[in-house]
Amino acid sequence: MSSTWLITFYESYSALTVDDEKRQIGNLISGFIKKVDYGRDFEQQLSFYVEARSAFPNLDSVHAQLVQVKKEFLFCVCMCVCVWGGGWEGIVR
């Protein structure tokens, strides 16, 4: 997935950016984060979330979105373990 446009938006963000622009940039990035799905590749999904958090350190709305999607991600992982069985061996290395 190409996220270069996200980086472009974020690079335009500065201490002089007005609050409305900060909110719009945060909403665009948060919307993208919600759409990223690696299916059952849990390690790649978690890696994306970690990278997104470090890429956008000054946007509180993005951090709030990451907290939400990580909670949903954890729920999904737990459901996969319960539904598909086999315990954690297939997920945890």
Protein backbone atom coordinates (compact mmCIF):
# COMPACT_ATOMS: atom_id res chain seq x y z
CA MET A 1 0.00 0.00 0.00
CA SER A 2 1.26 3.40 -0.92
CA SER A 3 1.01 5.90 1.88
CA THR A 4 3.14 8.64 0.32
CA TRP A 5 0.18 11.00 0.23
CA LEU A 6 -0.17 10.57 4.00
CA ILE A 7 3.45 11.56 4.49
CA THR A 8 2.88 14.59 2.22
CA PHE A 9 -0.07 15.70 4.36
CA TYR A 10 1.89 15.17 7.53
CA GLU A 11 4.95 17.05 6.23
CA SER A 12 2.71 20.05 5.56
CA TYR A 13 1.80 20.01 9.27
CA SER A 14 3.70 22.47 11.47
CA ALA A 15 3.32 24.47 14.67
CA LEU A 16 1.69 27.21 12.58
CA THR A 17 -0.99 24.92 11.13
CA VAL A 18 -4.45 26.03 12.21
CA ASP A 19 -6.59 23.67 14.30
CA ASP A 20 -9.05 22.95 11.49
CA GLU A 21 -6.23 21.80 9.19
CA LYS A 22 -4.75 19.64 11.95
CA ARG A 23 -8.14 17.99 12.44
CA GLN A 24 -8.56 17.40 8.70
CA ILE A 25 -5.08 15.91 8.35
CA GLY A 26 -5.67 13.70 11.39
CA ASN A 27 -9.04 12.54 10.02
CA LEU A 28 -7.57 11.63 6.63
CA ILE A 29 -4.73 9.65 8.18
CA SER A 30 -7.09 7.97 10.67
CA GLY A 31 -9.41 6.97 7.84
CA PHE A 32 -6.53 5.36 6.00
CA ILE A 33 -5.40 3.51 9.12
CA LYS A 34 -8.91 2.06 9.58
CA LYS A 35 -8.88 0.69 6.02
CA VAL A 36 -5.57 -1.18 6.25
CA ASP A 37 -6.17 -4.90 6.71
CA TYR A 38 -3.61 -7.67 6.33
CA GLY A 39 -6.12 -10.43 7.02
CA ARG A 40 -4.64 -13.22 9.14
CA ASP A 41 -1.11 -11.83 8.86
CA PHE A 42 -1.26 -10.53 12.41
CA GLU A 43 2.44 -9.75 12.63
CA GLN A 44 2.28 -7.49 9.55
CA GLN A 45 -0.86 -5.75 10.87
CA LEU A 46 0.77 -5.01 14.21
CA SER A 47 3.93 -3.86 12.46
CA PHE A 48 1.85 -1.39 10.43
CA TYR A 49 0.31 0.04 13.60
CA VAL A 50 3.71 0.46 15.24
CA GLU A 51 5.10 2.16 12.14
CA ALA A 52 2.06 4.46 11.89
CA ARG A 53 2.47 5.52 15.51
CA SER A 54 6.10 6.46 14.97
CA ALA A 55 5.38 8.17 11.62
CA PHE A 56 2.82 10.60 13.07
CA PRO A 57 4.04 11.48 16.57
CA ASN A 58 2.31 14.87 16.86
CA LEU A 59 -1.24 14.03 15.84
CA ASP A 60 -3.33 13.09 18.88
CA SER A 61 -6.32 12.08 16.75
CA VAL A 62 -4.15 9.53 14.92
CA HIS A 63 -2.92 8.11 18.22
CA ALA A 64 -6.51 7.84 19.46
CA GLN A 65 -7.48 6.01 16.27
CA LEU A 66 -4.52 3.65 16.67
CA VAL A 67 -5.63 2.80 20.21
CA GLN A 68 -9.09 1.94 18.87
CA VAL A 69 -7.90 -0.20 15.95
CA LYS A 70 -5.40 -2.02 18.17
CA LYS A 71 -8.24 -2.92 20.56
CA GLU A 72 -10.25 -4.25 17.64
CA PHE A 73 -7.16 -6.06 16.36
CA LEU A 74 -6.63 -7.77 19.72
CA PHE A 75 -10.27 -8.84 19.78
CA CYS A 76 -9.90 -10.24 16.24
CA VAL A 77 -6.79 -12.21 17.21
CA CYS A 78 -8.53 -13.65 20.27
CA MET A 79 -11.56 -14.61 18.19
CA CYS A 80 -9.35 -16.28 15.59
CA VAL A 81 -7.71 -18.36 18.28
CA CYS A 82 -11.07 -19.38 19.76
CA VAL A 83 -12.88 -20.04 16.48
CA TRP A 84 -10.11 -21.72 14.50
CA GLY A 85 -8.69 -23.46 17.53
CA GLY A 86 -5.18 -24.74 17.71
CA GLY A 87 -4.22 -22.43 20.52
CA TRP A 88 -1.57 -19.75 20.24
CA GLU A 89 1.05 -21.96 18.58
CA GLY A 90 0.07 -20.88 15.06
CA ILE A 91 0.14 -17.20 16.01
CA VAL A 92 2.92 -16.73 18.52
CA ARG A 93 6.40 -17.71 17.49
